[in-house]
Amino acid sequence: MSKITLIGIDTAKTVFHLVGVDAHGHYVWRKQVNRSRLLSSLAQVECCEVVLEACGASHHWARRIQALGHTVRLIAPQHVKPYRRGQKNDYRDAEAIISAALSPGMHFVGVKRVEQQAEQALHRVRSRLMSHRNAAANELRGLLGEYGLVFARGMKPLREGARRFVETQEAQTLGLVELVNDVLEEIEVLQQRMDHYERLIEQRVQADEVSRQLREQLGGVGTLSASALRVKVADVRDYGNGRHFAAYLGLAPGHSGTGGKVSIGHIKRGHDRYLRQLLIHGARSALRHLGDKQDAQSRWLRGLLERRGFNIASVALAHKNARQAWAIMARAQ
């Protein structure tokens, strides 16, 4: 058998499919293994390049395979799909991974450190808690709206208004006191759990010099944004410059071109919506507190507000913060 130079792995929960090619791109090895035998099978192969899709548990497997001496690369699933030929099956998925890896100009995903993934997990759980809290609050607003009660935006007006309602004779007559109190208690518990995870994120930011620099040097970047930026990618230098990084985060408009004519569209729905939301909300907060500052950035933002309006200025500041964040993190690495 020819020497294997590249292996594509289609990962799954229990069964993994491996395909190997030689230096000429010929398929010379196929193997199906269960989860417990993956590493032992790869340990028997001479060190080469191993490619996986960047999906669930891929960073874990990448670290384990790197420990065997192999060079590991990850490819985003949306970049693999165009290379799959014929009917879909696991071996053809592995072949598609190889074809994508051999494609000139393919962008690979860096392998994250376990500490990065641990910090990212805090954001994931916090985001879920926030969604559940907002869902409970919106449900309560809808229920009380049926009785003519409308509250201002925000959690505080809702909590205060709901507590006033349960003290009324109407609430007691309708038997809604227990229901409203239960939903209020649910919202409070979710908020407390969110606060707990935010404190954990704060501790990690305080312990990391680069995260502190992001928070202190960039207007509109707070604790959550600094932490999320820091753990987003394994190495920001994988992106050629700050503009590429900002576009990767979804802060640049999409475009379409043909016949030499390029049309600029809107920001796409994809990318990391959580991090993009943090950056844009932070930029909005910075614009609201702009005041009469006379530094160069404040004058630029004030002019942008006059020319293009609040929303576009917010995205522009978020885009600029992403570019500057890339520079700070790239220097640190």
C-alpha atoms as a PDB file:
ATOM      1  CA  MET A   1       0.000   0.000   0.000  1.00  0.00           C
ATOM      2  CA  SER A   2       1.238   3.471  -0.866  1.00  0.00           C
ATOM      3  CA  LYS A   3       2.161   5.808   1.961  1.00  0.00           C
ATOM      4  CA  ILE A   4      -0.836   7.683   3.350  1.00  0.00           C
ATOM      5  CA  THR A   5      -0.288  11.443   3.286  1.00  0.00           C
ATOM      6  CA  LEU A   6      -3.792  12.711   4.069  1.00  0.00           C
ATOM      7  CA  ILE A   7      -6.701  11.232   6.033  1.00  0.00           C
ATOM      8  CA  GLY A   8     -10.258  12.522   6.027  1.00  0.00           C
ATOM      9  CA  ILE A   9     -12.468  11.550   8.953  1.00  0.00           C
ATOM     10  CA  ASP A  10     -16.248  11.692   9.011  1.00  0.00           C
ATOM     11  CA  THR A  11     -16.981  11.907  12.727  1.00  0.00           C
ATOM     12  CA  ALA A  12     -20.143  10.770  14.466  1.00  0.00           C
ATOM     13  CA  LYS A  13     -21.355   9.821  17.914  1.00  0.00           C
ATOM     14  CA  THR A  14     -20.195   6.204  17.853  1.00  0.00           C
ATOM     15  CA  VAL A  15     -18.959   5.186  14.368  1.00  0.00           C
ATOM     16  CA  PHE A  16     -16.186   6.998  12.460  1.00  0.00           C
ATOM     17  CA  HIS A  17     -15.320   6.563   8.778  1.00  0.00           C
ATOM     18  CA  LEU A  18     -11.729   7.159   7.661  1.00  0.00           C
ATOM     19  CA  VAL A  19     -10.431   7.567   4.122  1.00  0.00           C
ATOM     20  CA  GLY A  20      -6.738   7.975   3.240  1.00  0.00           C
ATOM     21  CA  VAL A  21      -5.008   9.186   0.067  1.00  0.00           C
ATOM     22  CA  ASP A  22      -1.401   9.057  -1.081  1.00  0.00           C
ATOM     23  CA  ALA A  23       0.783  11.876  -2.399  1.00  0.00           C
ATOM     24  CA  HIS A  24      -0.869  11.566  -5.839  1.00  0.00           C
ATOM     25  CA  GLY A  25      -4.389  11.928  -4.442  1.00  0.00           C
ATOM     26  CA  HIS A  26      -5.313   8.267  -4.970  1.00  0.00           C
ATOM     27  CA  TYR A  27      -7.555   6.582  -2.407  1.00  0.00           C
ATOM     28  CA  VAL A  28      -5.462   3.895  -0.727  1.00  0.00           C
ATOM     29  CA  TRP A  29      -7.155   3.287   2.633  1.00  0.00           C
ATOM     30  CA  ARG A  30     -10.690   3.025   4.013  1.00  0.00           C
ATOM     31  CA  LYS A  31     -11.683   2.049   7.500  1.00  0.00           C
ATOM     32  CA  GLN A  32     -14.723   2.100   9.758  1.00  0.00           C
ATOM     33  CA  VAL A  33     -14.021   2.218  13.490  1.00  0.00           C
ATOM     34  CA  ASN A  34     -16.026   2.782  16.625  1.00  0.00           C
ATOM     35  CA  ARG A  35     -15.345   5.614  19.019  1.00  0.00           C
ATOM     36  CA  SER A  36     -13.098   3.646  21.357  1.00  0.00           C
ATOM     37  CA  ARG A  37     -10.790   2.448  18.541  1.00  0.00           C
ATOM     38  CA  LEU A  38     -10.297   5.712  16.626  1.00  0.00           C
ATOM     39  CA  LEU A  39      -7.097   6.809  18.346  1.00  0.00           C
ATOM     40  CA  SER A  40      -5.543   3.339  18.336  1.00  0.00           C
ATOM     41  CA  SER A  41      -6.240   3.038  14.590  1.00  0.00           C
ATOM     42  CA  LEU A  42      -4.619   6.398  13.866  1.00  0.00           C
ATOM     43  CA  ALA A  43      -1.650   5.528  16.088  1.00  0.00           C
ATOM     44  CA  GLN A  44      -0.836   2.668  13.692  1.00  0.00           C
ATOM     45  CA  VAL A  45      -0.612   5.073  10.729  1.00  0.00           C
ATOM     46  CA  GLU A  46       2.605   6.966  10.022  1.00  0.00           C
ATOM     47  CA  CYS A  47       2.245  10.632  10.976  1.00  0.00           C
ATOM     48  CA  CYS A  48       0.447  12.580   8.271  1.00  0.00           C
ATOM     49  CA  GLU A  49      -2.179  15.285   7.829  1.00  0.00           C
ATOM     50  CA  VAL A  50      -5.630  14.533   9.274  1.00  0.00           C
ATOM     51  CA  VAL A  51      -8.679  16.617   8.357  1.00  0.00           C
ATOM     52  CA  LEU A  52     -12.065  16.759  10.075  1.00  0.00           C
ATOM     53  CA  GLU A  53     -15.181  18.882   9.811  1.00  0.00           C
ATOM     54  CA  ALA A  54     -15.379  21.616  12.457  1.00  0.00           C
ATOM     55  CA  CYS A  55     -18.481  20.240  14.149  1.00  0.00           C
ATOM     56  CA  GLY A  56     -19.450  18.831  17.540  1.00  0.00           C
ATOM     57  CA  ALA A  57     -16.457  17.518  19.543  1.00  0.00           C
ATOM     58  CA  SER A  58     -14.106  18.203  16.611  1.00  0.00           C
ATOM     59  CA  HIS A  59     -11.733  20.319  18.725  1.00  0.00           C
ATOM     60  CA  HIS A  60     -11.534  17.524  21.310  1.00  0.00           C
ATOM     61  CA  TRP A  61     -10.650  14.949  18.679  1.00  0.00           C
ATOM     62  CA  ALA A  62      -8.218  17.350  17.014  1.00  0.00           C
ATOM     63  CA  ARG A  63      -6.293  17.782  20.259  1.00  0.00           C
ATOM     64  CA  ARG A  64      -6.230  14.019  20.885  1.00  0.00           C
ATOM     65  CA  ILE A  65      -5.047  13.269  17.339  1.00  0.00           C
ATOM     66  CA  GLN A  66      -2.395  16.002  17.517  1.00  0.00           C
ATOM     67  CA  ALA A  67      -1.024  14.269  20.605  1.00  0.00           C
ATOM     68  CA  LEU A  68      -0.325  11.227  18.393  1.00  0.00           C
ATOM     69  CA  GLY A  69       1.962  13.352  16.209  1.00  0.00           C
ATOM     70  CA  HIS A  70      -0.403  13.984  13.302  1.00  0.00           C
ATOM     71  CA  THR A  71      -1.023  17.424  11.804  1.00  0.00           C
ATOM     72  CA  VAL A  72      -4.717  18.200  12.231  1.00  0.00           C
ATOM     73  CA  ARG A  73      -6.836  20.653  10.265  1.00  0.00           C
ATOM     74  CA  LEU A  74     -10.507  21.521  10.651  1.00  0.00           C
ATOM     75  CA  ILE A  75     -12.814  22.701   7.856  1.00  0.00           C
ATOM     76  CA  ALA A  76     -16.161  24.425   8.325  1.00  0.00           C
ATOM     77  CA  PRO A  77     -18.991  22.082   7.209  1.00  0.00           C
ATOM     78  CA  GLN A  78     -20.401  24.602   4.724  1.00  0.00           C
ATOM     79  CA  HIS A  79     -17.085  24.484   2.851  1.00  0.00           C
ATOM     80  CA  VAL A  80     -17.147  20.681   2.661  1.00  0.00           C
ATOM     81  CA  LYS A  81     -20.676  20.230   1.322  1.00  0.00           C
ATOM     82  CA  PRO A  82     -19.960  21.452  -2.265  1.00  0.00           C
ATOM     83  CA  TYR A  83     -17.315  18.730  -2.657  1.00  0.00           C
ATOM     84  CA  ARG A  84     -19.594  15.773  -1.894  1.00  0.00           C
ATOM     85  CA  ARG A  85     -20.389  13.774  -5.039  1.00  0.00           C
ATOM     86  CA  GLY A  86     -23.217  11.341  -5.625  1.00  0.00           C
ATOM     87  CA  GLN A  87     -25.548  10.026  -2.967  1.00  0.00           C
ATOM     88  CA  LYS A  88     -24.702  10.928   0.595  1.00  0.00           C
ATOM     89  CA  ASN A  89     -23.042   8.328   2.794  1.00  0.00           C
ATOM     90  CA  ASP A  90     -20.334   8.407   5.440  1.00  0.00           C
ATOM     91  CA  TYR A  91     -17.441   7.392   3.197  1.00  0.00           C
ATOM     92  CA  ARG A  92     -18.391  10.006   0.611  1.00  0.00           C
ATOM     93  CA  ASP A  93     -18.504  12.595   3.390  1.00  0.00           C
ATOM     94  CA  ALA A  94     -14.922  11.644   4.290  1.00  0.00           C
ATOM     95  CA  GLU A  95     -13.932  11.860   0.609  1.00  0.00           C
ATOM     96  CA  ALA A  96     -15.523  15.320   0.414  1.00  0.00           C
ATOM     97  CA  ILE A  97     -13.447  16.418   3.402  1.00  0.00           C
ATOM     98  CA  ILE A  98     -10.289  15.316   1.573  1.00  0.00           C
ATOM     99  CA  SER A  99     -11.315  17.099  -1.642  1.00  0.00           C
ATOM    100  CA  ALA A 100     -12.016  20.286   0.309  1.00  0.00           C
ATOM    101  CA  ALA A 101      -8.668  20.057   2.115  1.00  0.00           C
ATOM    102  CA  LEU A 102      -6.820  19.743  -1.214  1.00  0.00           C
ATOM    103  CA  SER A 103      -8.641  22.717  -2.723  1.00  0.00           C
ATOM    104  CA  PRO A 104      -6.364  25.768  -3.214  1.00  0.00           C
ATOM    105  CA  GLY A 105      -7.225  28.694  -0.973  1.00  0.00           C
ATOM    106  CA  MET A 106      -9.264  26.653   1.516  1.00  0.00           C
ATOM    107  CA  HIS A 107      -9.607  28.394   4.886  1.00  0.00           C
ATOM    108  CA  PHE A 108      -9.057  26.098   7.852  1.00  0.00           C
ATOM    109  CA  VAL A 109     -10.383  26.472  11.384  1.00  0.00           C
ATOM    110  CA  GLY A 110      -7.822  26.644  14.186  1.00  0.00           C
ATOM    111  CA  VAL A 111      -7.894  24.055  16.954  1.00  0.00           C
ATOM    112  CA  LYS A 112      -9.035  25.696  20.180  1.00  0.00           C
ATOM    113  CA  ARG A 113      -7.409  25.173  23.540  1.00  0.00           C
ATOM    114  CA  VAL A 114      -9.526  23.435  26.156  1.00  0.00           C
ATOM    115  CA  GLU A 115      -9.486  26.633  28.257  1.00  0.00           C
ATOM    116  CA  GLN A 116     -11.046  28.558  25.376  1.00  0.00           C
ATOM    117  CA  GLN A 117     -13.841  26.040  25.058  1.00  0.00           C
ATOM    118  CA  ALA A 118     -14.474  26.105  28.809  1.00  0.00           C
ATOM    119  CA  GLU A 119     -14.893  29.884  28.736  1.00  0.00           C
ATOM    120  CA  GLN A 120     -17.050  29.670  25.621  1.00  0.00           C
ATOM    121  CA  ALA A 121     -19.310  27.197  27.438  1.00  0.00           C
ATOM    122  CA  LEU A 122     -20.081  29.903  30.010  1.00  0.00           C
ATOM    123  CA  HIS A 123     -21.346  32.138  27.211  1.00  0.00           C
ATOM    124  CA  ARG A 124     -23.450  29.337  25.729  1.00  0.00           C
ATOM    125  CA  VAL A 125     -25.221  28.620  29.017  1.00  0.00           C
ATOM    126  CA  ARG A 126     -25.678  32.318  29.779  1.00  0.00           C
ATOM    127  CA  SER A 127     -27.205  32.854  26.332  1.00  0.00           C
ATOM    128  CA  ARG A 128     -29.664  29.999  26.903  1.00  0.00           C
ATOM    129  CA  LEU A 129     -30.656  31.378  30.310  1.00  0.00           C
ATOM    130  CA  MET A 130     -31.206  34.805  28.784  1.00  0.00           C
ATOM    131  CA  SER A 131     -33.469  33.325  26.093  1.00  0.00           C
ATOM    132  CA  HIS A 132     -35.525  31.486  28.711  1.00  0.00           C
ATOM    133  CA  ARG A 133     -35.757  34.596  30.893  1.00  0.00           C
ATOM    134  CA  ASN A 134     -36.922  36.732  27.978  1.00  0.00           C
ATOM    135  CA  ALA A 135     -39.441  34.068  26.944  1.00  0.00           C
ATOM    136  CA  ALA A 136     -40.923  33.984  30.456  1.00  0.00           C
ATOM    137  CA  ALA A 137     -41.061  37.785  30.574  1.00  0.00           C
ATOM    138  CA  ASN A 138     -42.762  38.008  27.179  1.00  0.00           C
ATOM    139  CA  GLU A 139     -45.253  35.351  28.230  1.00  0.00           C
ATOM    140  CA  LEU A 140     -46.098  37.344  31.362  1.00  0.00           C
ATOM    141  CA  ARG A 141     -46.489  40.534  29.331  1.00  0.00           C
ATOM    142  CA  GLY A 142     -48.896  38.748  27.004  1.00  0.00           C
ATOM    143  CA  LEU A 143     -50.936  37.264  29.838  1.00  0.00           C
ATOM    144  CA  LEU A 144     -51.286  40.555  31.674  1.00  0.00           C
ATOM    145  CA  GLY A 145     -51.944  42.389  28.426  1.00  0.00           C
ATOM    146  CA  GLU A 146     -55.234  40.484  28.226  1.00  0.00           C
ATOM    147  CA  TYR A 147     -56.340  42.487  31.270  1.00  0.00           C
ATOM    148  CA  GLY A 148     -55.325  45.839  29.829  1.00  0.00           C
ATOM    149  CA  LEU A 149     -51.953  46.022  31.564  1.00  0.00           C
ATOM    150  CA  VAL A 150     -49.098  47.386  29.457  1.00  0.00           C
ATOM    151  CA  PHE A 151     -45.636  48.028  30.870  1.00  0.00           C
ATOM    152  CA  ALA A 152     -42.593  49.924  29.664  1.00  0.00           C
ATOM    153  CA  ARG A 153     -39.681  48.043  28.133  1.00  0.00           C
ATOM    154  CA  GLY A 154     -37.278  46.323  30.475  1.00  0.00           C
ATOM    155  CA  MET A 155     -37.455  43.819  33.292  1.00  0.00           C
ATOM    156  CA  LYS A 156     -37.793  46.328  36.131  1.00  0.00           C
ATOM    157  CA  PRO A 157     -41.076  47.938  34.922  1.00  0.00           C
ATOM    158  CA  LEU A 158     -42.510  44.464  34.272  1.00  0.00           C
ATOM    159  CA  ARG A 159     -41.625  43.139  37.728  1.00  0.00           C
ATOM    160  CA  GLU A 160     -42.924  46.230  39.493  1.00  0.00           C
ATOM    161  CA  GLY A 161     -46.145  46.310  37.473  1.00  0.00           C
ATOM    162  CA  ALA A 162     -46.803  42.595  37.945  1.00  0.00           C
ATOM    163  CA  ARG A 163     -46.289  42.873  41.704  1.00  0.00           C
ATOM    164  CA  ARG A 164     -48.759  45.749  41.867  1.00  0.00           C
ATOM    165  CA  PHE A 165     -51.258  43.673  39.890  1.00  0.00           C
ATOM    166  CA  VAL A 166     -51.152  40.678  42.260  1.00  0.00           C
ATOM    167  CA  GLU A 167     -52.093  42.993  45.128  1.00  0.00           C
ATOM    168  CA  THR A 168     -55.305  44.099  43.404  1.00  0.00           C
ATOM    169  CA  GLN A 169     -58.723  42.658  44.089  1.00  0.00           C
ATOM    170  CA  GLU A 170     -59.060  41.715  40.398  1.00  0.00           C
ATOM    171  CA  ALA A 171     -56.028  39.407  40.516  1.00  0.00           C
ATOM    172  CA  GLN A 172     -57.291  37.705  43.649  1.00  0.00           C
ATOM    173  CA  THR A 173     -60.781  37.291  42.203  1.00  0.00           C
ATOM    174  CA  LEU A 174     -59.456  35.775  38.959  1.00  0.00           C
ATOM    175  CA  GLY A 175     -57.095  33.463  40.812  1.00  0.00           C
ATOM    176  CA  LEU A 176     -54.010  34.836  39.042  1.00  0.00           C
ATOM    177  CA  VAL A 177     -51.919  35.615  42.105  1.00  0.00           C
ATOM    178  CA  GLU A 178     -50.134  32.249  42.214  1.00  0.00           C
ATOM    179  CA  LEU A 179     -49.596  32.171  38.439  1.00  0.00           C
ATOM    180  CA  VAL A 180     -48.048  35.642  38.263  1.00  0.00           C
ATOM    181  CA  ASN A 181     -45.887  35.013  41.326  1.00  0.00           C
ATOM    182  CA  ASP A 182     -44.635  31.733  39.836  1.00  0.00           C
ATOM    183  CA  VAL A 183     -43.585  33.415  36.587  1.00  0.00           C
ATOM    184  CA  LEU A 184     -41.946  36.281  38.498  1.00  0.00           C
ATOM    185  CA  GLU A 185     -40.046  33.754  40.601  1.00  0.00           C
ATOM    186  CA  GLU A 186     -38.946  31.907  37.454  1.00  0.00           C
ATOM    187  CA  ILE A 187     -37.658  35.159  35.948  1.00  0.00           C
ATOM    188  CA  GLU A 188     -35.795  35.989  39.161  1.00  0.00           C
ATOM    189  CA  VAL A 189     -34.153  32.554  39.362  1.00  0.00           C
ATOM    190  CA  LEU A 190     -33.027  32.757  35.730  1.00  0.00           C
ATOM    191  CA  GLN A 191     -31.648  36.262  36.321  1.00  0.00           C
ATOM    192  CA  GLN A 192     -29.683  35.070  39.356  1.00  0.00           C
ATOM    193  CA  ARG A 193     -28.168  32.219  37.353  1.00  0.00           C
ATOM    194  CA  MET A 194     -27.254  34.649  34.563  1.00  0.00           C
ATOM    195  CA  ASP A 195     -25.571  36.935  37.096  1.00  0.00           C
ATOM    196  CA  HIS A 196     -23.620  33.950  38.435  1.00  0.00           C
ATOM    197  CA  TYR A 197     -22.220  33.063  35.008  1.00  0.00           C
ATOM    198  CA  GLU A 198     -21.439  36.711  34.296  1.00  0.00           C
ATOM    199  CA  ARG A 199     -19.365  36.816  37.486  1.00  0.00           C
ATOM    200  CA  LEU A 200     -17.473  33.724  36.330  1.00  0.00           C
ATOM    201  CA  ILE A 201     -16.791  35.400  32.977  1.00  0.00           C
ATOM    202  CA  GLU A 202     -15.648  38.545  34.804  1.00  0.00           C
ATOM    203  CA  GLN A 203     -13.134  36.489  36.785  1.00  0.00           C
ATOM    204  CA  ARG A 204     -11.672  35.025  33.590  1.00  0.00           C
ATOM    205  CA  VAL A 205     -11.408  38.448  31.961  1.00  0.00           C
ATOM    206  CA  GLN A 206      -9.622  39.829  35.016  1.00  0.00           C
ATOM    207  CA  ALA A 207      -7.147  36.951  34.869  1.00  0.00           C
ATOM    208  CA  ASP A 208      -6.322  37.443  31.161  1.00  0.00           C
ATOM    209  CA  GLU A 209      -4.238  40.454  30.135  1.00  0.00           C
ATOM    210  CA  VAL A 210      -5.435  40.531  26.522  1.00  0.00           C
ATOM    211  CA  SER A 211      -9.095  40.417  27.565  1.00  0.00           C
ATOM    212  CA  ARG A 212      -8.467  43.341  29.915  1.00  0.00           C
ATOM    213  CA  GLN A 213      -6.842  45.290  27.082  1.00  0.00           C
ATOM    214  CA  LEU A 214      -9.857  44.680  24.843  1.00  0.00           C
ATOM    215  CA  ARG A 215     -12.209  45.940  27.536  1.00  0.00           C
ATOM    216  CA  GLU A 216     -10.139  48.966  28.502  1.00  0.00           C
ATOM    217  CA  GLN A 217      -8.970  50.167  25.088  1.00  0.00           C
ATOM    218  CA  LEU A 218     -12.095  49.725  22.947  1.00  0.00           C
ATOM    219  CA  GLY A 219     -15.131  51.924  23.504  1.00  0.00           C
ATOM    220  CA  GLY A 220     -18.262  49.799  23.416  1.00  0.00           C
ATOM    221  CA  VAL A 221     -16.486  46.556  24.344  1.00  0.00           C
ATOM    222  CA  GLY A 222     -17.345  45.381  27.848  1.00  0.00           C
ATOM    223  CA  THR A 223     -16.638  42.261  29.864  1.00  0.00           C
ATOM    224  CA  LEU A 224     -18.874  39.920  27.863  1.00  0.00           C
ATOM    225  CA  SER A 225     -17.686  41.191  24.469  1.00  0.00           C
ATOM    226  CA  ALA A 226     -14.016  41.030  25.473  1.00  0.00           C
ATOM    227  CA  SER A 227     -14.377  37.459  26.694  1.00  0.00           C
ATOM    228  CA  ALA A 228     -16.369  36.324  23.653  1.00  0.00           C
ATOM    229  CA  LEU A 229     -13.829  37.884  21.274  1.00  0.00           C
ATOM    230  CA  ARG A 230     -10.942  36.242  23.085  1.00  0.00           C
ATOM    231  CA  VAL A 231     -12.366  32.716  22.823  1.00  0.00           C
ATOM    232  CA  LYS A 232     -13.935  33.011  19.373  1.00  0.00           C
ATOM    233  CA  VAL A 233     -10.992  31.687  17.367  1.00  0.00           C
ATOM    234  CA  ALA A 234      -7.877  29.707  18.198  1.00  0.00           C
ATOM    235  CA  ASP A 235      -5.549  32.204  16.490  1.00  0.00           C
ATOM    236  CA  VAL A 236      -6.773  35.485  14.967  1.00  0.00           C
ATOM    237  CA  ARG A 237      -3.729  35.501  12.697  1.00  0.00           C
ATOM    238  CA  ASP A 238      -5.563  32.882  10.639  1.00  0.00           C
ATOM    239  CA  TYR A 239      -7.407  35.942   9.302  1.00  0.00           C
ATOM    240  CA  GLY A 240      -5.149  38.123   7.197  1.00  0.00           C
ATOM    241  CA  ASN A 241      -6.176  41.424   8.729  1.00  0.00           C
ATOM    242  CA  GLY A 242      -8.809  43.107  10.858  1.00  0.00           C
ATOM    243  CA  ARG A 243     -11.196  43.563   7.946  1.00  0.00           C
ATOM    244  CA  HIS A 244     -11.237  39.830   7.258  1.00  0.00           C
ATOM    245  CA  PHE A 245     -11.907  39.175  10.944  1.00  0.00           C
ATOM    246  CA  ALA A 246     -14.761  41.711  11.055  1.00  0.00           C
ATOM    247  CA  ALA A 247     -16.304  40.148   7.943  1.00  0.00           C
ATOM    248  CA  TYR A 248     -15.992  36.704   9.549  1.00  0.00           C
ATOM    249  CA  LEU A 249     -17.987  38.013  12.531  1.00  0.00           C
ATOM    250  CA  GLY A 250     -20.760  39.152  10.178  1.00  0.00           C
ATOM    251  CA  LEU A 251     -20.152  42.896  10.511  1.00  0.00           C
ATOM    252  CA  ALA A 252     -19.700  43.511   6.782  1.00  0.00           C
ATOM    253  CA  PRO A 253     -22.475  43.608   4.165  1.00  0.00           C
ATOM    254  CA  GLY A 254     -22.835  40.819   1.660  1.00  0.00           C
ATOM    255  CA  HIS A 255     -22.160  41.495  -1.990  1.00  0.00           C
ATOM    256  CA  SER A 256     -22.850  39.955  -5.368  1.00  0.00           C
ATOM    257  CA  GLY A 257     -20.961  40.653  -8.555  1.00  0.00           C
ATOM    258  CA  THR A 258     -21.126  39.672 -12.213  1.00  0.00           C
ATOM    259  CA  GLY A 259     -19.949  41.235 -15.443  1.00  0.00           C
ATOM    260  CA  GLY A 260     -17.704  43.623 -13.556  1.00  0.00           C
ATOM    261  CA  LYS A 261     -20.616  45.093 -11.596  1.00  0.00           C
ATOM    262  CA  VAL A 262     -20.686  44.542  -7.828  1.00  0.00           C
ATOM    263  CA  SER A 263     -23.817  45.126  -5.764  1.00  0.00           C
ATOM    264  CA  ILE A 264     -23.490  45.693  -2.019  1.00  0.00           C
ATOM    265  CA  GLY A 265     -26.313  44.122  -0.030  1.00  0.00           C
ATOM    266  CA  HIS A 266     -27.235  43.715   3.620  1.00  0.00           C
ATOM    267  CA  ILE A 267     -25.537  42.030   6.554  1.00  0.00           C
ATOM    268  CA  LYS A 268     -26.164  38.294   6.312  1.00  0.00           C
ATOM    269  CA  ARG A 269     -28.041  36.312   8.943  1.00  0.00           C
ATOM    270  CA  GLY A 270     -25.289  33.760   9.376  1.00  0.00           C
ATOM    271  CA  HIS A 271     -22.036  34.036  11.326  1.00  0.00           C
ATOM    272  CA  ASP A 272     -21.863  34.242  15.126  1.00  0.00           C
ATOM    273  CA  ARG A 273     -25.057  36.107  15.972  1.00  0.00           C
ATOM    274  CA  TYR A 274     -24.300  36.096  19.702  1.00  0.00           C
ATOM    275  CA  LEU A 275     -20.943  37.877  19.384  1.00  0.00           C
ATOM    276  CA  ARG A 276     -22.233  40.221  16.702  1.00  0.00           C
ATOM    277  CA  GLN A 277     -25.133  41.151  18.988  1.00  0.00           C
ATOM    278  CA  LEU A 278     -22.745  41.893  21.861  1.00  0.00           C
ATOM    279  CA  LEU A 279     -20.558  44.124  19.686  1.00  0.00           C
ATOM    280  CA  ILE A 280     -23.459  46.070  18.179  1.00  0.00           C
ATOM    281  CA  HIS A 281     -25.246  46.513  21.524  1.00  0.00           C
ATOM    282  CA  GLY A 282     -21.967  47.707  23.026  1.00  0.00           C
ATOM    283  CA  ALA A 283     -21.525  50.172  20.172  1.00  0.00           C
ATOM    284  CA  ARG A 284     -25.057  51.483  20.723  1.00  0.00           C
ATOM    285  CA  SER A 285     -24.290  52.061  24.379  1.00  0.00           C
ATOM    286  CA  ALA A 286     -21.100  53.932  23.480  1.00  0.00           C
ATOM    287  CA  LEU A 287     -23.026  56.162  21.057  1.00  0.00           C
ATOM    288  CA  ARG A 288     -25.663  56.977  23.666  1.00  0.00           C
ATOM    289  CA  HIS A 289     -22.912  58.119  26.047  1.00  0.00           C
ATOM    290  CA  LEU A 290     -21.023  60.082  23.393  1.00  0.00           C
ATOM    291  CA  GLY A 291     -21.881  63.436  24.978  1.00  0.00           C
ATOM    292  CA  ASP A 292     -19.664  66.339  23.918  1.00  0.00           C
ATOM    293  CA  LYS A 293     -16.353  64.449  23.780  1.00  0.00           C
ATOM    294  CA  GLN A 294     -13.911  66.020  21.345  1.00  0.00           C
ATOM    295  CA  ASP A 295     -11.414  63.234  20.659  1.00  0.00           C
ATOM    296  CA  ALA A 296     -10.932  62.074  17.059  1.00  0.00           C
ATOM    297  CA  GLN A 297     -13.169  58.998  17.323  1.00  0.00           C
ATOM    298  CA  SER A 298     -15.983  60.935  19.009  1.00  0.00           C
ATOM    299  CA  ARG A 299     -15.905  63.576  16.263  1.00  0.00           C
ATOM    300  CA  TRP A 300     -15.962  60.835  13.627  1.00  0.00           C
ATOM    301  CA  LEU A 301     -18.921  59.133  15.305  1.00  0.00           C
ATOM    302  CA  ARG A 302     -20.801  62.399  15.676  1.00  0.00           C
ATOM    303  CA  GLY A 303     -20.386  63.132  11.974  1.00  0.00           C
ATOM    304  CA  LEU A 304     -21.415  59.588  11.086  1.00  0.00           C
ATOM    305  CA  LEU A 305     -24.542  59.927  13.217  1.00  0.00           C
ATOM    306  CA  GLU A 306     -25.525  63.073  11.351  1.00  0.00           C
ATOM    307  CA  ARG A 307     -24.873  61.566   7.909  1.00  0.00           C
ATOM    308  CA  ARG A 308     -26.090  57.980   8.257  1.00  0.00           C
ATOM    309  CA  GLY A 309     -28.162  57.663  11.428  1.00  0.00           C
ATOM    310  CA  PHE A 310     -27.892  55.739  14.680  1.00  0.00           C
ATOM    311  CA  ASN A 311     -28.119  52.135  13.438  1.00  0.00           C
ATOM    312  CA  ILE A 312     -25.503  52.414  10.699  1.00  0.00           C
ATOM    313  CA  ALA A 313     -23.197  54.304  13.058  1.00  0.00           C
ATOM    314  CA  SER A 314     -23.601  51.490  15.604  1.00  0.00           C
ATOM    315  CA  VAL A 315     -22.581  48.823  13.087  1.00  0.00           C
ATOM    316  CA  ALA A 316     -19.686  50.992  11.883  1.00  0.00           C
ATOM    317  CA  LEU A 317     -18.345  51.321  15.430  1.00  0.00           C
ATOM    318  CA  ALA A 318     -18.800  47.574  16.030  1.00  0.00           C
ATOM    319  CA  HIS A 319     -16.884  46.898  12.785  1.00  0.00           C
ATOM    320  CA  LYS A 320     -14.083  49.223  13.878  1.00  0.00           C
ATOM    321  CA  ASN A 321     -13.923  47.597  17.309  1.00  0.00           C
ATOM    322  CA  ALA A 322     -13.633  44.165  15.674  1.00  0.00           C
ATOM    323  CA  ARG A 323     -10.719  45.371  13.523  1.00  0.00           C
ATOM    324  CA  GLN A 324      -8.948  46.888  16.517  1.00  0.00           C
ATOM    325  CA  ALA A 325      -9.629  43.755  18.575  1.00  0.00           C
ATOM    326  CA  TRP A 326      -7.926  41.706  15.851  1.00  0.00           C
ATOM    327  CA  ALA A 327      -4.850  43.954  16.093  1.00  0.00           C
ATOM    328  CA  ILE A 328      -4.682  43.672  19.893  1.00  0.00           C
ATOM    329  CA  MET A 329      -5.045  39.881  19.865  1.00  0.00           C
ATOM    330  CA  ALA A 330      -2.676  39.406  16.912  1.00  0.00           C
ATOM    331  CA  ARG A 331       0.074  41.346  18.692  1.00  0.00           C
ATOM    332  CA  ALA A 332      -0.425  39.231  21.811  1.00  0.00           C
ATOM    333  CA  GLN A 333      -0.052  35.989  19.830  1.00  0.00           C
END
